[in-house]
Protein backbone atom coordinates (compact mmCIF):
# COMPACT_ATOMS: atom_id res chain seq x y z
CA MET A 1 20.07 2.17 18.91
CA ILE A 2 17.17 3.68 16.99
CA HIS A 3 18.30 6.84 15.25
CA GLU A 4 16.36 9.96 14.43
CA LEU A 5 14.20 9.60 11.33
CA PRO A 6 15.69 11.22 8.22
CA GLU A 7 13.73 13.75 6.27
CA ALA A 8 12.51 12.30 2.98
CA THR A 9 14.61 14.83 1.06
CA GLU A 10 17.70 13.67 2.96
CA LEU A 11 17.60 10.14 1.58
CA ALA A 12 21.22 9.38 0.99
CA GLU A 13 22.79 7.27 -1.72
CA ARG A 14 20.33 4.96 -3.38
CA PRO A 15 20.91 1.25 -2.91
CA GLU A 16 21.66 -0.87 -5.93
CA LEU A 17 18.43 -2.35 -7.23
CA PRO A 18 17.86 -5.40 -9.43
CA THR A 19 17.17 -4.93 -13.10
CA ALA A 20 13.64 -5.41 -14.37
CA ASP A 21 14.78 -8.68 -15.99
CA GLN A 22 16.09 -10.02 -12.67
CA ALA A 23 13.11 -8.80 -10.66
CA VAL A 24 10.58 -10.46 -12.97
CA ALA A 25 12.56 -13.72 -13.12
CA HIS A 26 12.96 -13.87 -9.33
CA THR A 27 9.27 -13.13 -8.79
CA LEU A 28 8.24 -15.92 -11.16
CA LEU A 29 10.61 -18.27 -9.38
CA ASN A 30 9.12 -17.29 -6.01
CA CYS A 31 5.68 -18.25 -7.27
CA VAL A 32 6.76 -21.55 -8.78
CA LEU A 33 8.72 -22.47 -5.67
CA ARG A 34 5.78 -21.77 -3.35
CA GLU A 35 2.91 -23.16 -5.40
CA VAL A 36 4.32 -25.84 -7.70
CA SER A 37 7.73 -27.30 -6.90
CA ALA A 38 7.94 -27.11 -3.10
CA PRO A 39 4.51 -28.76 -2.50
CA GLU A 40 5.72 -31.67 -4.67
CA HIS A 41 9.11 -31.86 -2.89
CA GLN A 42 10.99 -30.87 -6.03
CA THR A 43 13.42 -28.42 -4.45
CA ALA A 44 16.78 -28.45 -2.70
CA VAL A 45 19.19 -25.94 -1.24
CA THR A 46 22.83 -26.88 -1.70
CA ASP A 47 26.16 -25.11 -2.22
CA GLY A 48 24.52 -21.70 -1.81
CA ARG A 49 21.95 -22.29 -4.53
CA LEU A 50 18.31 -23.23 -4.80
CA LEU A 51 17.62 -26.11 -7.18
CA LEU A 52 14.05 -26.35 -8.40
CA ARG A 53 12.46 -28.84 -10.77
CA LEU A 54 9.40 -28.20 -12.91
CA PRO A 55 8.15 -31.77 -12.51
CA ARG A 56 5.87 -32.06 -15.54
CA ARG A 57 7.97 -30.01 -17.93
CA GLY A 58 11.09 -31.91 -16.83
CA VAL A 59 13.22 -28.78 -16.43
CA LEU A 60 15.79 -28.32 -13.66
CA LEU A 61 16.48 -24.72 -12.64
CA ARG A 62 18.85 -23.12 -10.19
CA VAL A 63 19.58 -19.69 -8.77
CA ALA A 64 22.15 -18.36 -6.31
CA LEU A 65 20.92 -17.41 -2.84
CA ARG A 66 21.62 -14.31 -0.81
CA ARG A 67 19.89 -15.88 2.16
CA THR A 68 17.65 -18.84 2.94
CA SER A 69 14.44 -18.57 4.92
CA LEU A 70 12.76 -20.69 7.58
CA LEU A 71 9.50 -20.15 5.71
CA GLY A 72 11.01 -21.10 2.35
CA ALA A 73 10.76 -17.51 1.11
CA HIS A 74 14.41 -17.36 0.07
CA ARG A 75 16.27 -14.33 -1.29
CA PHE A 76 17.75 -14.80 -4.77
CA THR A 77 20.59 -13.13 -6.60
CA GLY A 78 21.83 -13.26 -10.17
CA PRO A 79 20.36 -15.09 -13.15
CA VAL A 80 18.08 -18.10 -13.15
CA GLU A 81 19.82 -20.98 -14.92
CA ARG A 82 18.65 -24.16 -16.63
CA GLU A 83 20.56 -27.41 -16.71
CA GLN A 84 21.28 -28.64 -20.23
CA ALA A 85 23.42 -31.44 -21.63
CA ASP A 86 26.52 -29.24 -21.76
CA GLY A 87 26.03 -27.57 -18.37
CA TRP A 88 24.10 -24.68 -16.84
CA HIS A 89 22.86 -21.83 -19.03
CA ALA A 90 21.28 -18.52 -17.96
CA LEU A 91 17.62 -17.94 -18.87
CA ASP A 92 16.08 -14.59 -19.58
CA TRP A 93 12.71 -13.79 -18.02
CA ARG A 94 10.80 -14.56 -21.22
CA GLU A 95 12.26 -18.07 -21.44
CA LEU A 96 11.49 -18.68 -17.77
CA ALA A 97 7.92 -17.44 -18.23
CA GLY A 98 7.54 -19.83 -21.16
CA TYR A 99 8.67 -22.78 -19.03
CA VAL A 100 6.25 -21.76 -16.29
CA GLN A 101 3.44 -21.53 -18.84
CA ASP A 102 4.27 -25.01 -20.13
CA GLU A 103 4.37 -26.43 -16.60
CA LEU A 104 0.99 -24.93 -15.68
CA GLU A 105 -0.64 -26.18 -18.89
CA LEU A 106 0.56 -29.70 -18.12
CA ARG A 107 -0.42 -29.40 -14.47
CA THR A 108 -3.95 -28.05 -15.01
CA GLY A 109 -4.88 -29.29 -18.47
CA THR A 110 -5.94 -25.74 -19.35
CA VAL A 111 -4.50 -22.94 -21.44
CA ASN A 112 -4.20 -19.29 -20.42
CA GLU A 113 -3.39 -17.23 -23.50
CA GLU A 114 -3.17 -14.05 -21.39
CA PHE A 115 -0.39 -15.26 -19.09
CA LEU A 116 2.72 -14.29 -21.06
CA ASP A 117 1.24 -10.92 -21.99
CA GLN A 118 0.51 -10.18 -18.34
CA VAL A 119 4.06 -11.08 -17.31
CA ALA A 120 5.35 -8.87 -20.13
CA SER A 121 3.10 -6.03 -18.99
CA SER A 122 4.47 -6.40 -15.47
CA HIS A 123 8.04 -6.33 -16.82
CA GLN A 124 7.20 -3.13 -18.67
CA GLY A 125 5.83 -1.63 -15.46
CA VAL A 126 8.92 -2.54 -13.44
CA ALA A 127 11.25 -1.25 -16.16
CA ALA A 128 9.38 2.05 -16.41
CA GLY A 129 9.46 2.49 -12.64
CA LEU A 130 13.20 1.92 -12.54
CA GLU A 131 13.93 4.12 -15.55
CA HIS A 132 11.87 7.07 -14.35
CA ARG A 133 12.50 6.63 -10.65
CA PRO A 134 11.86 10.04 -9.05
CA GLY A 135 13.75 11.47 -6.13
CA ALA A 136 12.44 11.46 -2.60
CA GLY A 137 9.32 13.53 -2.08
CA SER A 138 8.73 16.10 0.63
CA ASP A 139 5.86 14.12 2.17
CA ARG A 140 7.26 11.02 3.86
CA TYR A 141 3.89 9.31 3.98
CA LEU A 142 3.28 9.72 0.26
CA GLU A 143 6.86 8.71 -0.45
CA SER A 144 6.11 5.38 1.22
CA GLU A 145 2.85 4.91 -0.73
CA GLN A 146 4.70 5.54 -3.97
CA ALA A 147 7.85 3.50 -3.28
CA LEU A 148 6.79 0.05 -4.54
CA LEU A 149 8.74 -0.40 -7.76
CA PHE A 150 8.55 -4.20 -7.83
CA GLY A 151 5.23 -5.07 -6.21
CA HIS A 152 4.13 -8.32 -4.56
CA ARG A 153 7.03 -10.77 -4.76
CA PHE A 154 4.68 -13.80 -4.75
CA HIS A 155 2.51 -12.69 -7.65
CA PRO A 156 3.46 -13.60 -11.25
CA ALA A 157 2.54 -10.18 -12.68
CA PRO A 158 2.50 -7.67 -9.80
CA LYS A 159 2.97 -4.62 -12.01
CA SER A 160 0.64 -5.68 -14.83
CA ARG A 161 -1.75 -2.90 -15.80
CA SER A 162 -3.97 -3.11 -18.85
CA ALA A 163 -6.47 -0.59 -20.16
CA GLU A 164 -8.04 0.26 -23.49
CA ARG A 165 -6.52 3.71 -23.54
CA GLY A 166 -4.49 6.16 -21.51
CA ASP A 167 -0.91 6.22 -20.27
CA TRP A 168 -0.84 4.57 -16.84
CA ARG A 169 2.42 6.33 -15.95
CA ALA A 170 0.55 9.63 -15.66
CA TYR A 171 -1.48 8.14 -12.81
CA ALA A 172 1.00 5.67 -11.30
CA PRO A 173 2.23 5.96 -7.74
CA GLU A 174 5.74 4.96 -8.90
CA SER A 175 5.77 8.17 -10.96
CA ARG A 176 4.83 10.18 -7.85
CA ALA A 177 1.67 11.04 -9.74
CA ALA A 178 -0.53 13.83 -8.38
CA PHE A 179 -3.25 15.39 -10.50
CA GLN A 180 -6.53 17.25 -10.42
CA LEU A 181 -9.78 15.30 -10.36
CA ARG A 182 -12.26 15.50 -13.22
CA HIS A 183 -15.41 17.14 -11.86
CA LEU A 184 -18.94 16.45 -13.05
CA ALA A 185 -22.05 18.36 -11.99
CA VAL A 186 -24.97 15.92 -11.97
CA ARG A 187 -28.66 16.64 -11.54
CA ARG A 188 -29.64 15.74 -7.98
CA GLU A 189 -32.07 13.03 -8.98
CA LEU A 190 -29.33 11.22 -10.93
CA ILE A 191 -26.98 10.90 -7.95
CA ALA A 192 -27.01 7.76 -5.81
CA GLU A 193 -25.28 7.91 -2.45
CA ALA A 194 -25.33 6.76 1.15
CA ALA A 195 -23.45 7.97 4.20
CA THR A 196 -23.07 7.25 7.90
CA ASP A 197 -21.51 10.67 8.46
CA PRO A 198 -22.74 13.82 6.70
CA ALA A 199 -19.21 15.25 6.93
CA ALA A 200 -18.10 12.70 4.32
CA THR A 201 -20.58 13.89 1.69
CA ALA A 202 -19.91 17.49 2.67
CA LEU A 203 -16.25 16.87 1.87
CA LEU A 204 -17.22 15.89 -1.68
CA ASP A 205 -19.59 18.82 -2.08
CA GLY A 206 -16.86 21.19 -0.90
CA LEU A 207 -14.40 20.25 -3.61
CA ARG A 208 -16.03 22.55 -6.20
CA GLU A 209 -19.12 24.71 -6.67
CA VAL A 210 -21.84 23.42 -8.97
CA PRO A 211 -24.96 25.02 -10.47
CA ALA A 212 -28.21 24.93 -8.50
CA GLY A 213 -30.02 21.62 -8.66
CA HIS A 214 -26.80 19.68 -9.21
CA ARG A 215 -24.39 17.67 -7.05
CA LEU A 216 -20.67 17.31 -7.54
CA LEU A 217 -19.38 13.93 -8.70
CA PRO A 218 -15.56 13.78 -8.72
CA ALA A 219 -14.07 11.28 -11.15
CA HIS A 220 -10.61 9.79 -11.60
CA PRO A 221 -9.39 11.45 -14.82
CA TRP A 222 -8.21 8.13 -16.26
CA GLN A 223 -11.59 6.54 -15.56
CA TYR A 224 -13.37 9.47 -17.18
CA GLN A 225 -11.24 8.93 -20.29
CA LEU A 226 -12.15 5.24 -20.30
CA LEU A 227 -15.91 5.92 -19.96
CA ALA A 228 -16.19 9.08 -22.06
CA ASP A 229 -17.64 7.28 -25.10
CA HIS A 230 -20.45 5.52 -23.21
CA PRO A 231 -23.61 6.47 -25.17
CA LEU A 232 -25.74 7.12 -22.07
CA LEU A 233 -23.10 9.44 -20.66
CA ARG A 234 -22.75 11.27 -23.96
CA GLY A 235 -26.51 11.68 -24.13
CA ALA A 236 -26.65 13.04 -20.57
CA LEU A 237 -23.89 15.54 -21.39
CA GLU A 238 -25.74 16.68 -24.51
CA ARG A 239 -29.00 17.14 -22.53
CA GLY A 240 -27.29 18.96 -19.68
CA ASP A 241 -28.20 16.30 -17.12
CA VAL A 242 -24.47 15.98 -16.55
CA LEU A 243 -22.10 18.93 -16.89
CA ASP A 244 -18.42 18.32 -17.49
CA LEU A 245 -16.67 20.95 -15.38
CA GLY A 246 -13.25 19.67 -16.41
CA PRO A 247 -10.23 19.19 -14.15
CA GLY A 248 -10.12 21.32 -11.05
CA GLY A 249 -9.22 21.77 -7.44
CA ALA A 250 -6.09 20.83 -5.53
CA PRO A 251 -4.17 17.79 -6.79
CA PHE A 252 -4.83 14.35 -5.35
CA ALA A 253 -1.92 11.91 -5.06
CA ALA A 254 -1.93 8.28 -6.19
CA THR A 255 -1.44 5.74 -3.41
CA ALA A 256 -0.11 2.19 -3.72
CA SER A 257 -3.42 0.76 -4.95
CA VAL A 258 -3.34 3.19 -7.93
CA ARG A 259 -7.08 3.92 -7.86
CA THR A 260 -7.24 5.25 -4.29
CA LEU A 261 -6.17 8.89 -4.16
CA HIS A 262 -5.17 11.00 -1.17
CA GLY A 263 -6.15 14.64 -0.81
CA ALA A 264 -8.46 17.08 0.98
CA GLY A 265 -7.71 15.32 4.26
CA ALA A 266 -9.27 12.02 3.14
CA PHE A 267 -8.96 9.15 0.68
CA LEU A 268 -11.19 8.68 -2.35
CA LYS A 269 -11.37 5.13 -3.66
CA PHE A 270 -12.41 5.38 -7.29
CA SER A 271 -13.43 2.77 -9.78
CA LEU A 272 -10.82 2.19 -12.46
CA ASN A 273 -11.59 -0.03 -15.44
CA VAL A 274 -7.97 -1.16 -15.52
CA ARG A 275 -6.80 -4.67 -14.78
CA ILE A 276 -4.18 -4.38 -12.09
CA THR A 277 -2.66 -7.78 -11.19
CA ASN A 278 -5.77 -10.00 -11.07
CA CYS A 279 -8.87 -7.99 -11.85
CA LEU A 280 -10.55 -4.82 -13.01
CA ARG A 281 -10.39 -2.36 -10.14
CA LYS A 282 -13.95 -1.13 -10.17
CA ASN A 283 -16.26 -0.64 -7.21
CA ALA A 284 -19.06 -3.14 -7.76
CA ALA A 285 -22.52 -2.03 -6.67
CA TYR A 286 -22.43 -4.35 -3.66
CA GLU A 287 -19.01 -2.96 -2.68
CA LEU A 288 -20.32 0.60 -2.68
CA THR A 289 -23.24 -0.36 -0.48
CA GLY A 290 -21.09 -2.74 1.55
CA ALA A 291 -18.46 -0.15 2.48
CA VAL A 292 -21.02 2.12 4.13
CA ALA A 293 -22.93 -0.82 5.62
CA LEU A 294 -19.76 -2.23 7.17
CA THR A 295 -18.82 1.16 8.58
CA ARG A 296 -22.22 1.25 10.29
CA LEU A 297 -22.34 -2.41 11.36
CA LEU A 298 -18.78 -2.45 12.67
CA GLY A 299 -19.31 0.62 14.83
CA PRO A 300 -19.72 -1.26 18.14
CA ALA A 301 -16.88 -3.69 17.40
CA LEU A 302 -14.49 -0.94 16.32
CA THR A 303 -15.36 1.11 19.39
CA ASP A 304 -14.60 -1.89 21.60
CA LEU A 305 -11.29 -2.57 19.82
CA ALA A 306 -10.28 1.09 20.00
CA GLY A 307 -10.85 1.08 23.74
CA ARG A 308 -8.81 -2.08 24.27
CA PHE A 309 -6.09 -1.25 21.73
CA PRO A 310 -5.75 2.54 21.70
CA ASP A 311 -2.67 2.37 19.46
CA ALA A 312 -4.58 0.68 16.64
CA ALA A 313 -7.42 1.98 14.47
CA VAL A 314 -9.40 1.11 11.36
CA LEU A 315 -9.96 3.75 8.69
CA ARG A 316 -13.72 3.77 8.15
CA GLU A 317 -15.53 4.31 4.85
CA PRO A 318 -18.52 6.46 5.72
CA ALA A 319 -19.89 7.38 2.27
CA TYR A 320 -20.21 6.49 -1.37
CA ARG A 321 -21.51 8.46 -4.32
CA THR A 322 -22.10 7.54 -7.94
CA LEU A 323 -23.96 8.26 -11.15
CA ALA A 324 -27.41 6.68 -11.55
CA LEU A 325 -28.31 7.29 -15.20
CA PRO A 326 -31.29 5.08 -16.18
CA GLY A 327 -30.84 2.65 -19.03
CA ALA A 328 -33.45 1.22 -21.40
CA ASP A 329 -35.05 -0.79 -18.58
CA GLY A 330 -35.40 2.27 -16.36
CA ARG A 331 -32.80 1.06 -13.86
CA PRO A 332 -29.43 2.75 -13.34
CA ASP A 333 -26.99 1.62 -16.00
CA ARG A 334 -24.59 -0.75 -14.22
CA ALA A 335 -21.49 0.17 -16.22
CA LEU A 336 -21.85 3.84 -15.27
CA TYR A 337 -23.14 3.17 -11.74
CA GLU A 338 -20.10 1.06 -10.93
CA GLY A 339 -17.71 2.93 -13.21
CA PHE A 340 -18.26 6.29 -11.52
CA GLY A 341 -18.72 4.87 -8.02
CA LEU A 342 -16.39 6.32 -5.41
CA ILE A 343 -15.95 5.54 -1.73
CA VAL A 344 -14.89 8.12 0.83
CA ARG A 345 -12.38 6.77 3.33
CA GLU A 346 -11.54 8.83 6.39
CA GLY A 347 -8.12 10.43 6.72
CA PHE A 348 -5.61 10.71 9.53
CA ALA A 349 -6.73 13.92 11.22
CA ASP A 350 -8.55 12.37 14.17
CA LEU A 351 -6.43 9.22 14.43
CA LEU A 352 -2.73 10.04 14.37
CA ARG A 353 -1.04 11.36 17.47
CA PRO A 354 1.15 14.47 17.22
CA GLY A 355 4.61 13.66 15.95
CA VAL A 356 3.62 10.29 14.46
CA THR A 357 4.22 9.70 10.73
CA PRO A 358 2.22 6.98 8.92
CA LEU A 359 4.23 4.78 6.56
CA LEU A 360 2.95 2.07 4.25
CA ALA A 361 3.91 -1.31 5.71
CA ALA A 362 4.77 -2.65 2.25
CA ALA A 363 7.43 0.05 1.87
CA VAL A 364 8.80 -0.64 5.35
CA ALA A 365 9.12 -4.33 4.45
CA ASP A 366 10.24 -4.07 0.81
CA GLU A 367 12.89 -6.60 -0.21
CA HIS A 368 14.76 -3.85 -2.03
CA PRO A 369 14.83 -0.57 -0.06
CA THR A 370 13.60 2.29 -2.22
CA SER A 371 12.55 4.91 0.32
CA SER A 372 13.23 6.38 3.74
CA ALA A 373 10.27 4.32 4.99
CA HIS A 374 12.26 1.07 4.83
CA VAL A 375 12.91 -0.60 8.16
CA SER A 376 16.65 -0.30 7.60
CA ALA A 377 16.25 3.48 7.46
CA LEU A 378 14.03 3.48 10.55
CA LEU A 379 16.64 1.52 12.51
CA GLY A 380 19.62 3.44 11.17
CA PRO A 381 23.05 2.23 10.05
CA ASP A 382 24.42 1.49 13.52
CA ALA A 383 21.56 -0.61 14.89
CA GLY A 384 22.52 -4.05 16.12
CA VAL A 385 20.58 -7.26 16.62
CA ARG A 386 19.21 -6.16 19.98
CA ASP A 387 17.90 -2.92 18.48
CA ALA A 388 16.19 -4.83 15.66
CA LEU A 389 14.59 -7.28 18.09
CA ASP A 390 13.36 -4.46 20.34
CA TRP A 391 11.81 -2.64 17.35
CA TRP A 392 10.23 -5.90 16.19
CA ALA A 393 8.74 -6.80 19.57
CA ALA A 394 7.21 -3.32 19.88
CA TYR A 395 5.66 -3.58 16.44
CA LEU A 396 4.24 -7.07 16.92
CA ARG A 397 2.45 -5.97 20.08
CA LEU A 398 0.79 -3.17 18.14
CA LEU A 399 -0.17 -5.28 15.12
CA VAL A 400 -1.11 -8.78 16.23
CA PRO A 401 -3.49 -8.49 19.23
CA PRO A 402 -6.17 -6.28 17.62
CA VAL A 403 -6.35 -8.54 14.53
CA LEU A 404 -6.81 -11.62 16.72
CA ALA A 405 -9.36 -9.86 18.94
CA ALA A 406 -11.39 -8.78 15.90
CA TYR A 407 -11.63 -12.41 14.79
CA PHE A 408 -12.08 -14.23 18.10
CA ASP A 409 -14.21 -11.65 19.92
CA HIS A 410 -16.27 -10.16 17.11
CA GLY A 411 -16.13 -12.58 14.18
CA VAL A 412 -14.55 -9.84 12.05
CA VAL A 413 -11.95 -10.88 9.50
CA LEU A 414 -9.59 -7.98 8.94
CA GLU A 415 -7.27 -8.08 5.92
CA PRO A 416 -3.96 -6.82 7.34
CA HIS A 417 -1.70 -7.50 4.40
CA LEU A 418 1.21 -5.17 3.74
CA GLN A 419 -0.71 -2.79 1.48
CA ASN A 420 -3.59 -2.47 3.95
CA VAL A 421 -1.58 -1.42 7.00
CA LEU A 422 0.08 1.87 7.86
CA ILE A 423 2.78 1.89 10.52
CA GLY A 424 2.83 5.08 12.55
CA VAL A 425 6.38 5.85 13.69
CA GLY A 426 7.69 8.49 16.04
CA ALA A 427 10.65 10.79 15.44
CA ASP A 428 12.95 8.03 16.73
CA GLY A 429 11.73 5.55 14.12
CA ARG A 430 10.00 3.33 16.65
CA PRO A 431 6.49 2.02 15.90
CA ALA A 432 3.84 3.94 17.83
CA GLN A 433 0.54 3.17 16.06
CA VAL A 434 -0.97 0.92 13.41
CA LEU A 435 -3.81 1.82 11.07
CA PHE A 436 -5.81 -0.78 9.13
CA ARG A 437 -7.59 0.18 5.92
CA ASP A 438 -9.76 -1.03 3.03
CA LEU A 439 -13.08 -2.48 4.14
CA GLU A 440 -13.44 -4.30 0.81
CA GLY A 441 -11.34 -7.11 2.27
CA THR A 442 -13.01 -7.07 5.70
CA LYS A 443 -15.48 -9.92 6.18
CA LEU A 444 -17.92 -11.12 8.84
CA VAL A 445 -18.11 -14.66 10.21
CA PRO A 446 -21.82 -15.62 10.00
CA GLU A 447 -21.72 -17.70 13.19
CA ARG A 448 -21.00 -14.51 15.13
CA ASN A 449 -22.85 -11.99 12.97
CA ALA A 450 -25.95 -13.75 11.66
CA ALA A 451 -28.34 -10.99 12.69
CA LEU A 452 -26.22 -8.25 11.09
CA LEU A 453 -25.91 -10.14 7.81
CA ALA A 454 -29.62 -11.01 7.75
CA ALA A 455 -30.45 -7.31 7.84
CA LEU A 456 -28.58 -6.70 4.57
CA PRO A 457 -29.68 -7.40 0.99
CA PRO A 458 -28.42 -10.85 -0.07
CA GLU A 459 -26.25 -9.39 -2.83
CA VAL A 460 -24.41 -7.34 -0.19
CA ALA A 461 -24.39 -9.89 2.65
CA GLY A 462 -23.06 -12.77 0.50
CA PRO A 463 -19.71 -11.22 -0.48
CA MET A 464 -19.33 -9.83 3.04
CA ALA A 465 -19.39 -13.24 4.75
CA TYR A 466 -16.65 -15.84 5.30
CA ASP A 467 -17.19 -19.02 7.28
CA ALA A 468 -14.98 -19.40 10.35
CA GLU A 469 -12.39 -21.66 8.71
CA ARG A 470 -12.06 -19.60 5.56
CA GLY A 471 -11.92 -16.44 7.63
CA TRP A 472 -9.16 -17.89 9.81
CA ASP A 473 -7.12 -18.84 6.73
CA ARG A 474 -7.48 -15.27 5.51
CA VAL A 475 -6.42 -13.82 8.85
CA VAL A 476 -3.38 -16.11 9.14
CA TYR A 477 -2.32 -15.55 5.54
CA CYS A 478 -2.64 -11.77 5.59
CA LEU A 479 -1.26 -11.30 9.10
CA LEU A 480 1.53 -13.88 9.31
CA VAL A 481 2.52 -14.90 5.77
CA ASN A 482 1.97 -11.74 3.77
CA HIS A 483 2.78 -9.20 6.48
CA VAL A 484 4.75 -10.48 9.48
CA ALA A 485 6.94 -12.89 7.48
CA GLU A 486 7.83 -10.23 4.90
CA LEU A 487 8.73 -7.55 7.43
CA LEU A 488 10.63 -10.17 9.41
CA ALA A 489 12.52 -11.04 6.21
CA ALA A 490 13.60 -7.42 5.76
CA LEU A 491 15.04 -7.48 9.29
CA ALA A 492 16.65 -10.88 8.70
CA ASP A 493 18.32 -9.54 5.54
CA ARG A 494 20.22 -7.24 7.84
CA HIS A 495 20.74 -9.78 10.64
CA PRO A 496 20.55 -13.31 9.15
CA GLU A 497 21.72 -14.85 12.40
CA ALA A 498 18.61 -13.47 14.14
CA GLU A 499 15.92 -15.05 11.94
CA GLY A 500 15.07 -17.68 14.55
CA ALA A 501 14.93 -15.04 17.30
CA LEU A 502 12.64 -12.90 15.16
CA TRP A 503 10.23 -15.84 14.72
CA GLU A 504 10.53 -16.59 18.44
CA ALA A 505 9.25 -13.05 19.08
CA VAL A 506 6.23 -13.77 16.87
CA ARG A 507 5.55 -16.96 18.79
CA ARG A 508 5.86 -15.11 22.09
CA VAL A 509 3.20 -12.54 21.14
CA LEU A 510 0.86 -15.31 19.95
CA GLU A 511 1.42 -17.26 23.17
CA GLU A 512 0.75 -14.17 25.30
CA TYR A 513 -2.52 -13.54 23.52
CA ALA A 514 -3.56 -17.20 23.73
CA ALA A 515 -2.77 -17.40 27.46
CA ALA A 516 -4.83 -14.28 28.18
CA HIS A 517 -7.85 -15.40 26.12
CA GLY A 518 -8.54 -19.01 27.03
CA ARG A 519 -6.20 -20.61 24.48
CA PRO A 520 -8.59 -20.87 21.50
CA PRO A 521 -8.09 -24.13 19.57
CA ARG A 522 -7.09 -22.35 16.35
CA LEU A 523 -4.33 -20.48 18.17
CA ARG A 524 -3.16 -23.65 19.90
CA ALA A 525 -2.85 -25.31 16.51
CA LEU A 526 -0.92 -22.34 15.15
CA LEU A 527 1.52 -22.52 18.05
CA ALA A 528 1.86 -26.28 17.56
CA GLY A 529 3.23 -25.59 14.08
CA VAL A 530 0.37 -26.45 11.71
CA PRO A 531 1.21 -25.46 8.12
CA LEU A 532 0.50 -21.83 7.27
CA PRO A 533 -1.87 -20.88 4.42
CA ALA A 534 -0.33 -18.87 1.58
CA LYS A 535 -2.50 -17.39 -1.13
CA ALA A 536 -1.87 -19.16 -4.45
CA ASN A 537 -1.52 -16.07 -6.66
CA LEU A 538 0.10 -17.92 -9.56
CA LEU A 539 -2.56 -20.61 -9.81
CA THR A 540 -5.37 -18.11 -9.18
CA ARG A 541 -4.14 -15.94 -12.03
CA TRP A 542 -3.62 -18.96 -14.28
CA LYS A 543 -7.19 -20.15 -13.68
CA ARG A 544 -8.48 -16.58 -14.04
CA ARG A 545 -10.34 -16.71 -10.77
CA PRO A 546 -11.30 -13.59 -8.80
CA ASP A 547 -9.38 -12.91 -5.60
CA ARG A 548 -12.36 -14.00 -3.53
CA GLU A 549 -12.02 -17.51 -4.95
CA ALA A 550 -8.26 -17.73 -4.51
CA GLY A 551 -6.99 -20.98 -3.07
CA TYR A 552 -4.16 -21.56 -0.63
CA VAL A 553 -1.05 -23.68 -0.51
CA ARG A 554 0.36 -24.78 2.84
CA LEU A 555 3.80 -23.73 4.03
CA PRO A 556 5.83 -25.44 6.75
CA SER A 557 5.51 -23.26 9.82
CA PRO A 558 8.51 -21.64 11.53
CA LEU A 559 6.45 -21.27 14.72
CA ALA A 560 6.86 -24.80 16.06
CA ARG A 561 9.21 -25.09 19.04
CA THR A 562 11.24 -27.80 17.32
CA VAL A 563 11.88 -25.59 14.28
CA LEU A 564 12.88 -22.63 16.44
CA ALA A 565 15.13 -24.82 18.58
CA GLU A 566 16.89 -26.07 15.44
CA ALA A 567 17.20 -22.52 14.09
CA ALA A 568 18.82 -21.42 17.34
CA GLN A 569 21.66 -23.86 16.65
CA LEU A 570 22.45 -22.30 13.26
CA PRO A 571 24.68 -19.22 13.08
CA ALA A 572 22.84 -18.06 9.96
CA ARG A 573 20.54 -19.49 7.32
CA GLY A 574 23.12 -20.73 4.88
CA ALA A 575 23.38 -23.81 2.69
CA ARG A 576 21.58 -26.91 3.94
CA THR A 577 21.39 -30.56 3.01
CA PRO A 578 19.29 -31.16 -0.13
CA ALA A 579 15.81 -32.59 0.33
CA TRP A 580 16.21 -34.62 -2.84
CA SER A 581 18.92 -35.53 -5.26
CA ALA A 582 19.19 -32.99 -8.03
CA ARG A 583 20.35 -35.60 -10.49
């Protein structure tokens, strides 16, 4: 019983949301459970609570459960408590973060003096989002992009944002930020750019008129503020090589990634010298070149996939433009080249069917519904288990096959995590299309694409390549653990008794694809229940590694027939026998 989609402005009473204190504590506990305690068999579920030991710190924690999960991604409620001599005592998020810091120091033998500050920054971001939570917007797509108040629930500091200056709230998606771009007119010879489609550079040129002999370089206003004191830029402004035209044009809206803005019928992915979660969000020189190169190189593969899967598409990135002011060595200054680099990503005009609304998958799957994009709103209040399973089966058949075909048939590793996928829904709320975005995370498997990679400069080809095993881990993590499991969890929150059936639907789609494509060994292993890779965000952040070097922990798979058969015998995922004695 799928009901008609509500208008964004008709969003009814807002659901009760966790406090910032609870959200941060639960997110930290998610990370510790997945990456530290569960791999060492230091957890138990009993009497409606999760018990979790920090093995090296010697601390026993517990938290009440709203629902358990076949994947171990449980839903928590209420405070996190610590066992002490006189009983259980509630911890605030700062105390919990301190215990986690102690545990990681003892585990790794290293110190990370940034960790507590980053968790505190994330708490500040969550608190600000909750305090200044705006009403529903008139654009349902942008409402979904700007709905993520809590961020990635398996990252220790998902809302951490640090910059030397500027108020991030003025540019934050949670604030429904929309603002004019800062426009620079740059002498032609000082512009560096490349494009596979002249329409992409024409879009930039059309944003504002510039004097003869100049080209327009739009800039994110926050980034311009961060770079304004660079001596080479100041010198260029004084000489007239660069003209500051000030803010102008129609507003662009912040999307979930913060630095990618939507407007003028396209997306502009700017550099932003702000650390968001793990790293500074700037477009490295190889990423600028790589976006356009991938758009060109992937042309045949994307054409093939579009023909076979007409309800799926990849948003291409056909152009980049940046400032190439020479430094003392005569080469373009890297800080300005990368700092002002922007990538043009195509918009929806030629991709979406009439009547289809794109919604950010992360908003559809959010643990705490904050927008009319959430799957509970798409299904409607009267939908039963059968309706949820029908919706789910339709979505899986849109999402899963093209990702698998890209890997197995073309050696292309897409990155379909929740923030990189848009779900196109019809007026009835049913999924009709999927759009994949962000070529930064798209990689090529060298065994299948050696000639393409050899034609690129080494500094571009290197970051663009993943070996087959690493690429498969990335596909499985992004597709099944980050995306499918989280959207499945949102459905299981509503119908706990159907969690096994929801995973059975995932298995069915994987089996159908395997049967039709020669049963590749990696898929056979997946269906046999090999552990699933989950990105180790906590340990990656602790070790201060870039995302590209992130490791994985292995999760017990819910896809094995034996697990699904056992789940079918349970009326709901309630309390289970402990895996170890808590005392």
